[in-house]
Amino acid sequence: MGAQTPSERLAHAWRSAAEAAASRPAPAYPVGVGWATVEMDRAIVELANALGLPVDTGAFRVAPRSIALGCACRVAAGSLSGGGLLLVLEPDTEGRLAESLARHGEGPAAIWLEPEARANVREAPRAPEFTVPAGWPGPLGRERLVTRDSAEGMLLLLVERPAGTIRP
């Protein structure tokens, strides 16, 4: 994958997120892809240039950190196909994201899925898959680490996004 451009790598990660959502026991849909980096400001400029996003208008907003991954986060709304979110992630602990960077280098490292029932009906009865038990606050809402895709090395998180129409 080293010869691919950042936009090609993100497109591949977004397709992987859709595949992961389709393979869940309960219906889910992809929300975002996280790009791991050791230098957030540099990565934001590079990704903004690769995706044609304006850097100087604040396309990448500061978001709450991910406790599950151990990182600081910035989010660019609607930057991936279908309105998906691009999250730029920089480790701030020796946690899961730091380990991912050490093993796989910079690039797509995490995907966030939202259970479909929560996405479509905010007041839906809560089945076990639709809640995020033992989850932590994260950049998109309450999140729970589910697994690591062994082929891609990406971390998979389920997110329970807060109700409302304003999204990061």
N, C-alpha and C. Protein backbone atom coordinates (compact mmCIF):
# COMPACT_ATOMS: atom_id res chain seq x y z
N MET A 1 0.80 -1.19 0.00
CA MET A 1 0.00 0.00 0.00
C MET A 1 0.84 1.26 0.00
N GLY A 2 2.16 1.15 0.14
CA GLY A 2 3.02 2.31 0.24
C GLY A 2 2.96 3.22 -0.97
N ALA A 3 2.68 2.69 -2.17
CA ALA A 3 2.67 3.49 -3.38
C ALA A 3 1.35 4.25 -3.56
N GLN A 4 0.35 3.95 -2.77
CA GLN A 4 -0.94 4.62 -2.91
C GLN A 4 -0.88 6.03 -2.33
N THR A 5 -1.68 6.92 -2.91
CA THR A 5 -1.80 8.27 -2.39
C THR A 5 -2.65 8.26 -1.12
N PRO A 6 -2.57 9.31 -0.31
CA PRO A 6 -3.42 9.36 0.88
C PRO A 6 -4.91 9.25 0.53
N SER A 7 -5.36 9.88 -0.55
CA SER A 7 -6.78 9.79 -0.91
C SER A 7 -7.15 8.37 -1.31
N GLU A 8 -6.26 7.65 -1.98
CA GLU A 8 -6.54 6.25 -2.33
C GLU A 8 -6.58 5.37 -1.08
N ARG A 9 -5.67 5.63 -0.16
CA ARG A 9 -5.66 4.86 1.09
C ARG A 9 -6.92 5.11 1.89
N LEU A 10 -7.38 6.36 1.92
CA LEU A 10 -8.63 6.68 2.65
C LEU A 10 -9.83 6.05 1.97
N ALA A 11 -9.87 6.08 0.64
CA ALA A 11 -10.98 5.44 -0.09
C ALA A 11 -11.03 3.95 0.22
N HIS A 12 -9.86 3.31 0.25
CA HIS A 12 -9.80 1.88 0.58
C HIS A 12 -10.29 1.64 2.01
N ALA A 13 -9.85 2.50 2.94
CA ALA A 13 -10.28 2.36 4.34
C ALA A 13 -11.78 2.56 4.48
N TRP A 14 -12.35 3.51 3.71
CA TRP A 14 -13.80 3.76 3.77
C TRP A 14 -14.56 2.54 3.25
N ARG A 15 -14.05 1.91 2.18
CA ARG A 15 -14.67 0.67 1.69
C ARG A 15 -14.58 -0.43 2.74
N SER A 16 -13.44 -0.51 3.43
CA SER A 16 -13.28 -1.50 4.51
C SER A 16 -14.27 -1.23 5.64
N ALA A 17 -14.52 0.04 5.92
CA ALA A 17 -15.49 0.39 6.96
C ALA A 17 -16.89 -0.07 6.55
N ALA A 18 -17.25 0.12 5.29
CA ALA A 18 -18.56 -0.33 4.80
C ALA A 18 -18.67 -1.85 4.88
N GLU A 19 -17.59 -2.55 4.55
CA GLU A 19 -17.59 -4.01 4.64
C GLU A 19 -17.71 -4.47 6.10
N ALA A 20 -17.03 -3.79 6.98
CA ALA A 20 -17.12 -4.14 8.41
C ALA A 20 -18.53 -3.91 8.92
N ALA A 21 -19.16 -2.83 8.48
CA ALA A 21 -20.54 -2.55 8.90
C ALA A 21 -21.48 -3.63 8.40
N ALA A 22 -21.28 -4.07 7.17
CA ALA A 22 -22.15 -5.08 6.58
C ALA A 22 -21.98 -6.44 7.25
N SER A 23 -20.82 -6.69 7.83
CA SER A 23 -20.57 -8.00 8.43
C SER A 23 -20.93 -8.06 9.91
N ARG A 24 -21.43 -6.97 10.49
CA ARG A 24 -21.80 -6.96 11.90
C ARG A 24 -23.03 -7.85 12.14
N PRO A 25 -23.14 -8.45 13.32
CA PRO A 25 -24.32 -9.26 13.63
C PRO A 25 -25.60 -8.42 13.63
N ALA A 26 -25.50 -7.17 14.05
CA ALA A 26 -26.63 -6.25 14.00
C ALA A 26 -26.27 -5.17 12.98
N PRO A 27 -27.25 -4.69 12.22
CA PRO A 27 -26.96 -3.71 11.18
C PRO A 27 -26.27 -2.46 11.73
N ALA A 28 -25.30 -1.98 10.97
CA ALA A 28 -24.56 -0.78 11.34
C ALA A 28 -24.19 -0.04 10.06
N TYR A 29 -23.74 1.18 10.21
CA TYR A 29 -23.24 1.90 9.05
C TYR A 29 -21.95 2.63 9.42
N PRO A 30 -21.06 2.83 8.44
CA PRO A 30 -19.80 3.49 8.74
C PRO A 30 -19.99 4.98 8.99
N VAL A 31 -19.26 5.50 9.96
CA VAL A 31 -19.35 6.91 10.32
C VAL A 31 -18.07 7.64 9.95
N GLY A 32 -16.92 7.03 10.24
CA GLY A 32 -15.66 7.72 9.99
C GLY A 32 -14.47 6.80 9.94
N VAL A 33 -13.39 7.36 9.43
CA VAL A 33 -12.10 6.67 9.35
C VAL A 33 -11.08 7.54 10.06
N GLY A 34 -10.25 6.91 10.88
CA GLY A 34 -9.20 7.62 11.60
C GLY A 34 -7.85 7.42 10.96
N TRP A 35 -7.14 8.52 10.70
CA TRP A 35 -5.79 8.52 10.14
C TRP A 35 -4.81 8.74 11.27
N ALA A 36 -3.96 7.76 11.54
CA ALA A 36 -2.97 7.86 12.60
C ALA A 36 -1.74 8.62 12.12
N THR A 37 -1.23 9.47 12.98
CA THR A 37 -0.04 10.25 12.64
C THR A 37 0.77 10.53 13.89
N VAL A 38 2.04 10.86 13.69
CA VAL A 38 2.89 11.27 14.81
C VAL A 38 2.98 12.79 14.89
N GLU A 39 2.46 13.49 13.89
CA GLU A 39 2.49 14.95 13.87
C GLU A 39 1.21 15.47 13.23
N MET A 40 0.25 15.82 14.07
CA MET A 40 -1.09 16.17 13.62
C MET A 40 -1.12 17.35 12.64
N ASP A 41 -0.42 18.43 12.96
CA ASP A 41 -0.48 19.61 12.10
C ASP A 41 0.01 19.31 10.68
N ARG A 42 1.10 18.58 10.56
CA ARG A 42 1.62 18.20 9.25
C ARG A 42 0.64 17.31 8.51
N ALA A 43 0.10 16.32 9.21
CA ALA A 43 -0.83 15.38 8.58
C ALA A 43 -2.09 16.10 8.09
N ILE A 44 -2.57 17.06 8.85
CA ILE A 44 -3.77 17.80 8.44
C ILE A 44 -3.51 18.55 7.14
N VAL A 45 -2.37 19.20 7.03
CA VAL A 45 -2.04 19.92 5.80
C VAL A 45 -1.95 18.94 4.63
N GLU A 46 -1.25 17.82 4.82
CA GLU A 46 -1.10 16.83 3.76
C GLU A 46 -2.45 16.24 3.34
N LEU A 47 -3.28 15.88 4.31
CA LEU A 47 -4.58 15.29 3.99
C LEU A 47 -5.51 16.32 3.35
N ALA A 48 -5.50 17.54 3.84
CA ALA A 48 -6.34 18.58 3.25
C ALA A 48 -5.94 18.80 1.79
N ASN A 49 -4.66 18.85 1.51
CA ASN A 49 -4.20 19.01 0.14
C ASN A 49 -4.60 17.82 -0.72
N ALA A 50 -4.47 16.62 -0.19
CA ALA A 50 -4.80 15.40 -0.95
C ALA A 50 -6.29 15.31 -1.26
N LEU A 51 -7.13 15.83 -0.35
CA LEU A 51 -8.58 15.72 -0.51
C LEU A 51 -9.23 16.99 -1.04
N GLY A 52 -8.43 18.02 -1.26
CA GLY A 52 -8.97 19.29 -1.75
C GLY A 52 -9.77 20.04 -0.70
N LEU A 53 -9.39 19.89 0.57
CA LEU A 53 -10.07 20.59 1.66
C LEU A 53 -9.31 21.85 2.02
N PRO A 54 -10.01 22.91 2.40
CA PRO A 54 -9.30 24.12 2.83
C PRO A 54 -8.73 23.94 4.23
N VAL A 55 -7.46 24.22 4.39
CA VAL A 55 -6.82 24.08 5.69
C VAL A 55 -7.10 25.31 6.55
N ASP A 56 -7.07 26.47 5.94
CA ASP A 56 -7.15 27.72 6.70
C ASP A 56 -8.55 28.06 7.19
N THR A 57 -9.58 27.37 6.74
CA THR A 57 -10.94 27.68 7.19
C THR A 57 -11.38 26.80 8.34
N GLY A 58 -10.50 26.01 8.85
CA GLY A 58 -10.84 25.16 9.99
C GLY A 58 -11.65 23.94 9.61
N ALA A 59 -11.36 23.35 8.46
CA ALA A 59 -12.07 22.13 8.05
C ALA A 59 -11.88 21.02 9.08
N PHE A 60 -10.74 21.02 9.76
CA PHE A 60 -10.46 20.02 10.78
C PHE A 60 -10.68 20.65 12.15
N ARG A 61 -11.78 20.28 12.80
CA ARG A 61 -12.12 20.83 14.11
C ARG A 61 -11.57 19.95 15.22
N VAL A 62 -11.19 20.59 16.31
CA VAL A 62 -10.75 19.85 17.49
C VAL A 62 -11.95 19.07 18.03
N ALA A 63 -11.72 17.81 18.36
CA ALA A 63 -12.77 16.94 18.90
C ALA A 63 -12.27 16.37 20.22
N PRO A 64 -13.19 15.86 21.04
CA PRO A 64 -12.75 15.21 22.28
C PRO A 64 -11.77 14.06 21.98
N ARG A 65 -10.86 13.81 22.89
CA ARG A 65 -9.89 12.74 22.68
C ARG A 65 -10.57 11.38 22.77
N SER A 66 -9.94 10.39 22.19
CA SER A 66 -10.42 9.01 22.28
C SER A 66 -9.67 8.33 23.42
N ILE A 67 -10.42 8.00 24.46
CA ILE A 67 -9.83 7.27 25.59
C ILE A 67 -9.52 5.84 25.16
N ALA A 68 -10.40 5.25 24.36
CA ALA A 68 -10.21 3.87 23.91
C ALA A 68 -8.92 3.70 23.11
N LEU A 69 -8.58 4.71 22.31
CA LEU A 69 -7.38 4.62 21.48
C LEU A 69 -6.17 5.32 22.09
N GLY A 70 -6.41 6.24 23.03
CA GLY A 70 -5.32 6.98 23.65
C GLY A 70 -4.76 8.05 22.73
N CYS A 71 -5.65 8.93 22.23
CA CYS A 71 -5.17 9.92 21.27
C CYS A 71 -6.00 11.20 21.26
N ALA A 72 -5.34 12.26 20.78
CA ALA A 72 -6.00 13.52 20.48
C ALA A 72 -6.62 13.39 19.10
N CYS A 73 -7.70 14.15 18.84
CA CYS A 73 -8.45 13.98 17.59
C CYS A 73 -8.83 15.32 16.97
N ARG A 74 -8.83 15.35 15.66
CA ARG A 74 -9.42 16.44 14.88
C ARG A 74 -10.31 15.78 13.84
N VAL A 75 -11.44 16.44 13.52
CA VAL A 75 -12.44 15.84 12.64
C VAL A 75 -12.75 16.79 11.49
N ALA A 76 -12.79 16.22 10.28
CA ALA A 76 -13.24 16.96 9.10
C ALA A 76 -14.54 16.31 8.64
N ALA A 77 -15.63 17.05 8.74
CA ALA A 77 -16.95 16.53 8.39
C ALA A 77 -17.09 16.42 6.88
N GLY A 78 -17.78 15.36 6.44
CA GLY A 78 -18.13 15.19 5.03
C GLY A 78 -16.95 15.11 4.09
N SER A 79 -15.79 14.71 4.58
CA SER A 79 -14.60 14.69 3.73
C SER A 79 -14.41 13.37 2.99
N LEU A 80 -15.14 12.33 3.37
CA LEU A 80 -15.07 11.04 2.69
C LEU A 80 -16.35 10.83 1.90
N SER A 81 -16.31 9.91 0.96
CA SER A 81 -17.49 9.67 0.12
C SER A 81 -18.69 9.33 0.99
N GLY A 82 -19.86 9.77 0.56
CA GLY A 82 -21.07 9.50 1.30
C GLY A 82 -21.18 10.31 2.59
N GLY A 83 -20.36 11.34 2.73
CA GLY A 83 -20.44 12.19 3.92
C GLY A 83 -19.69 11.67 5.12
N GLY A 84 -18.83 10.68 4.93
CA GLY A 84 -18.08 10.13 6.05
C GLY A 84 -17.10 11.13 6.65
N LEU A 85 -16.78 10.92 7.90
CA LEU A 85 -15.89 11.80 8.64
C LEU A 85 -14.46 11.29 8.57
N LEU A 86 -13.53 12.22 8.42
CA LEU A 86 -12.11 11.89 8.51
C LEU A 86 -11.62 12.40 9.85
N LEU A 87 -11.06 11.51 10.63
CA LEU A 87 -10.49 11.87 11.92
C LEU A 87 -8.98 11.75 11.84
N VAL A 88 -8.27 12.77 12.25
CA VAL A 88 -6.82 12.72 12.33
C VAL A 88 -6.48 12.46 13.79
N LEU A 89 -5.69 11.42 14.02
CA LEU A 89 -5.44 10.91 15.36
C LEU A 89 -3.95 10.96 15.68
N GLU A 90 -3.61 11.55 16.81
CA GLU A 90 -2.22 11.60 17.26
C GLU A 90 -2.17 11.04 18.68
N PRO A 91 -1.36 10.00 18.90
CA PRO A 91 -1.32 9.40 20.24
C PRO A 91 -0.86 10.40 21.29
N ASP A 92 -1.52 10.33 22.44
CA ASP A 92 -1.10 11.14 23.58
C ASP A 92 -0.85 10.26 24.80
N THR A 93 -0.93 8.94 24.60
CA THR A 93 -0.56 7.95 25.62
C THR A 93 0.12 6.80 24.88
N GLU A 94 0.66 5.87 25.64
CA GLU A 94 1.23 4.67 25.02
C GLU A 94 0.14 3.61 24.91
N GLY A 95 -0.94 3.97 24.20
CA GLY A 95 -2.11 3.10 24.08
C GLY A 95 -2.19 2.42 22.73
N ARG A 96 -3.42 2.08 22.37
CA ARG A 96 -3.68 1.31 21.15
C ARG A 96 -3.23 2.03 19.88
N LEU A 97 -3.44 3.34 19.82
CA LEU A 97 -3.03 4.05 18.60
C LEU A 97 -1.51 4.10 18.48
N ALA A 98 -0.82 4.31 19.58
CA ALA A 98 0.65 4.31 19.55
C ALA A 98 1.16 2.95 19.07
N GLU A 99 0.53 1.89 19.55
CA GLU A 99 0.92 0.54 19.10
C GLU A 99 0.65 0.36 17.61
N SER A 100 -0.48 0.85 17.15
CA SER A 100 -0.82 0.75 15.73
C SER A 100 0.19 1.50 14.87
N LEU A 101 0.58 2.69 15.29
CA LEU A 101 1.59 3.46 14.56
C LEU A 101 2.92 2.71 14.52
N ALA A 102 3.31 2.12 15.63
CA ALA A 102 4.57 1.38 15.68
C ALA A 102 4.56 0.19 14.73
N ARG A 103 3.43 -0.47 14.60
CA ARG A 103 3.33 -1.66 13.74
C ARG A 103 3.08 -1.35 12.28
N HIS A 104 2.23 -0.33 12.02
CA HIS A 104 1.75 -0.11 10.65
C HIS A 104 2.15 1.23 10.05
N GLY A 105 2.70 2.13 10.86
CA GLY A 105 3.07 3.44 10.35
C GLY A 105 1.85 4.35 10.21
N GLU A 106 2.08 5.53 9.65
CA GLU A 106 1.00 6.50 9.48
C GLU A 106 0.02 6.04 8.42
N GLY A 107 -1.24 6.37 8.64
CA GLY A 107 -2.28 6.02 7.68
C GLY A 107 -3.56 5.63 8.38
N PRO A 108 -4.51 5.08 7.61
CA PRO A 108 -5.78 4.66 8.20
C PRO A 108 -5.54 3.63 9.30
N ALA A 109 -6.12 3.91 10.48
CA ALA A 109 -5.85 3.04 11.63
C ALA A 109 -7.11 2.63 12.38
N ALA A 110 -8.22 3.35 12.17
CA ALA A 110 -9.44 3.06 12.93
C ALA A 110 -10.67 3.38 12.09
N ILE A 111 -11.73 2.63 12.35
CA ILE A 111 -13.02 2.94 11.74
C ILE A 111 -14.08 2.96 12.83
N TRP A 112 -15.02 3.87 12.67
CA TRP A 112 -16.14 4.00 13.60
C TRP A 112 -17.41 3.60 12.89
N LEU A 113 -18.19 2.75 13.56
CA LEU A 113 -19.50 2.32 13.04
C LEU A 113 -20.56 2.73 14.05
N GLU A 114 -21.73 3.08 13.53
CA GLU A 114 -22.87 3.35 14.40
C GLU A 114 -23.93 2.30 14.13
N PRO A 115 -24.43 1.64 15.19
CA PRO A 115 -25.52 0.68 14.97
C PRO A 115 -26.68 1.36 14.25
N GLU A 116 -27.22 0.69 13.26
CA GLU A 116 -28.25 1.29 12.40
C GLU A 116 -29.49 1.72 13.17
N ALA A 117 -29.90 0.95 14.15
CA ALA A 117 -31.11 1.31 14.90
C ALA A 117 -30.92 2.64 15.61
N ARG A 118 -29.72 2.90 16.11
CA ARG A 118 -29.45 4.18 16.78
C ARG A 118 -29.40 5.30 15.75
N ALA A 119 -28.90 5.02 14.57
CA ALA A 119 -28.76 6.06 13.56
C ALA A 119 -30.11 6.46 12.99
N ASN A 120 -31.01 5.50 12.80
CA ASN A 120 -32.29 5.78 12.15
C ASN A 120 -33.37 6.24 13.11
N VAL A 121 -33.37 5.70 14.31
CA VAL A 121 -34.41 6.05 15.27
C VAL A 121 -33.73 6.33 16.60
N ARG A 122 -33.60 7.58 16.93
CA ARG A 122 -32.86 7.96 18.13
C ARG A 122 -33.51 7.45 19.40
N GLU A 123 -34.80 7.19 19.39
CA GLU A 123 -35.49 6.72 20.59
C GLU A 123 -35.78 5.23 20.54
N ALA A 124 -35.05 4.49 19.70
CA ALA A 124 -35.28 3.06 19.56
C ALA A 124 -34.99 2.33 20.85
N PRO A 125 -35.73 1.22 21.11
CA PRO A 125 -35.39 0.41 22.27
C PRO A 125 -33.94 -0.06 22.15
N ARG A 126 -33.27 -0.18 23.24
CA ARG A 126 -31.85 -0.51 23.20
C ARG A 126 -31.64 -2.02 23.32
N ALA A 127 -31.20 -2.60 22.22
CA ALA A 127 -30.76 -3.99 22.24
C ALA A 127 -29.29 -3.99 22.62
N PRO A 128 -28.73 -5.12 23.04
CA PRO A 128 -27.34 -5.13 23.50
C PRO A 128 -26.34 -4.52 22.52
N GLU A 129 -26.46 -4.78 21.22
CA GLU A 129 -25.52 -4.26 20.23
C GLU A 129 -25.68 -2.76 20.04
N PHE A 130 -26.84 -2.19 20.42
CA PHE A 130 -27.13 -0.79 20.15
C PHE A 130 -26.66 0.13 21.26
N THR A 131 -26.14 -0.42 22.31
CA THR A 131 -25.58 0.41 23.37
C THR A 131 -24.07 0.23 23.35
N VAL A 132 -23.39 1.07 24.05
CA VAL A 132 -21.95 0.98 24.11
C VAL A 132 -21.56 0.73 25.57
N PRO A 133 -21.87 -0.50 26.06
CA PRO A 133 -21.57 -0.78 27.46
C PRO A 133 -20.07 -0.72 27.71
N ALA A 134 -19.72 -0.21 28.85
CA ALA A 134 -18.32 -0.08 29.25
C ALA A 134 -17.54 0.77 28.26
N GLY A 135 -18.24 1.57 27.50
CA GLY A 135 -17.57 2.44 26.54
C GLY A 135 -17.04 3.69 27.20
N TRP A 136 -16.27 4.44 26.43
CA TRP A 136 -15.68 5.67 26.92
C TRP A 136 -16.12 6.83 26.03
N PRO A 137 -16.03 8.04 26.56
CA PRO A 137 -16.27 9.20 25.71
C PRO A 137 -15.20 9.23 24.60
N GLY A 138 -15.61 9.66 23.42
CA GLY A 138 -14.68 9.72 22.30
C GLY A 138 -15.00 10.90 21.40
N PRO A 139 -14.32 11.03 20.30
CA PRO A 139 -14.49 12.19 19.43
C PRO A 139 -15.87 12.28 18.78
N LEU A 140 -16.57 11.17 18.63
CA LEU A 140 -17.88 11.16 17.97
C LEU A 140 -19.03 10.85 18.92
N GLY A 141 -18.72 10.59 20.17
CA GLY A 141 -19.72 10.18 21.15
C GLY A 141 -19.16 9.04 21.97
N ARG A 142 -20.03 8.36 22.69
CA ARG A 142 -19.59 7.23 23.50
C ARG A 142 -19.15 6.11 22.56
N GLU A 143 -17.94 5.57 22.79
CA GLU A 143 -17.39 4.56 21.88
C GLU A 143 -16.89 3.35 22.64
N ARG A 144 -16.88 2.24 21.91
CA ARG A 144 -16.39 0.98 22.48
C ARG A 144 -15.53 0.30 21.43
N LEU A 145 -14.32 -0.07 21.81
CA LEU A 145 -13.45 -0.82 20.91
C LEU A 145 -14.01 -2.23 20.77
N VAL A 146 -14.20 -2.66 19.53
CA VAL A 146 -14.79 -3.96 19.28
C VAL A 146 -13.72 -4.97 18.91
N THR A 147 -12.89 -4.63 17.94
CA THR A 147 -11.89 -5.59 17.46
C THR A 147 -10.86 -4.88 16.61
N ARG A 148 -9.88 -5.64 16.19
CA ARG A 148 -8.89 -5.18 15.22
C ARG A 148 -9.02 -6.07 14.00
N ASP A 149 -9.16 -5.45 12.83
CA ASP A 149 -9.21 -6.19 11.58
C ASP A 149 -7.79 -6.67 11.31
N SER A 150 -7.58 -7.97 11.39
CA SER A 150 -6.22 -8.49 11.30
C SER A 150 -5.57 -8.23 9.94
N ALA A 151 -6.34 -8.27 8.86
CA ALA A 151 -5.76 -8.07 7.54
C ALA A 151 -5.33 -6.62 7.34
N GLU A 152 -6.13 -5.69 7.78
CA GLU A 152 -5.85 -4.27 7.58
C GLU A 152 -5.11 -3.65 8.76
N GLY A 153 -5.20 -4.26 9.93
CA GLY A 153 -4.59 -3.69 11.11
C GLY A 153 -5.38 -2.53 11.68
N MET A 154 -6.62 -2.33 11.21
CA MET A 154 -7.41 -1.20 11.69
C MET A 154 -8.22 -1.58 12.92
N LEU A 155 -8.38 -0.62 13.80
CA LEU A 155 -9.19 -0.79 15.01
C LEU A 155 -10.63 -0.47 14.67
N LEU A 156 -11.57 -1.25 15.18
CA LEU A 156 -12.99 -1.06 14.91
C LEU A 156 -13.68 -0.63 16.20
N LEU A 157 -14.39 0.50 16.12
CA LEU A 157 -15.11 1.02 17.28
C LEU A 157 -16.58 1.19 16.94
N LEU A 158 -17.43 0.84 17.89
CA LEU A 158 -18.85 1.17 17.79
C LEU A 158 -19.06 2.48 18.52
N VAL A 159 -19.86 3.35 17.96
CA VAL A 159 -20.08 4.65 18.57
C VAL A 159 -21.56 4.89 18.76
N GLU A 160 -21.91 5.46 19.88
CA GLU A 160 -23.27 5.89 20.16
C GLU A 160 -23.23 7.41 20.12
N ARG A 161 -23.61 7.96 18.98
CA ARG A 161 -23.54 9.41 18.80
C ARG A 161 -24.69 10.08 19.51
N PRO A 162 -24.46 11.25 20.07
CA PRO A 162 -25.54 11.96 20.77
C PRO A 162 -26.66 12.34 19.79
N ALA A 163 -27.88 12.42 20.31
CA ALA A 163 -29.01 12.83 19.49
C ALA A 163 -28.83 14.27 19.04
N GLY A 164 -29.43 14.61 17.92
CA GLY A 164 -29.34 15.97 17.41
C GLY A 164 -28.98 15.98 15.95
N THR A 165 -29.08 17.11 15.35
CA THR A 165 -28.82 17.21 13.92
C THR A 165 -27.44 17.79 13.62
N ILE A 166 -26.80 18.38 14.59
CA ILE A 166 -25.49 18.96 14.35
C ILE A 166 -24.45 17.88 14.54
N ARG A 167 -23.66 17.67 13.54
CA ARG A 167 -22.62 16.64 13.59
C ARG A 167 -21.26 17.28 13.43
N PRO A 168 -20.21 16.65 14.01
CA PRO A 168 -18.86 17.20 13.81
C PRO A 168 -18.47 17.08 12.35
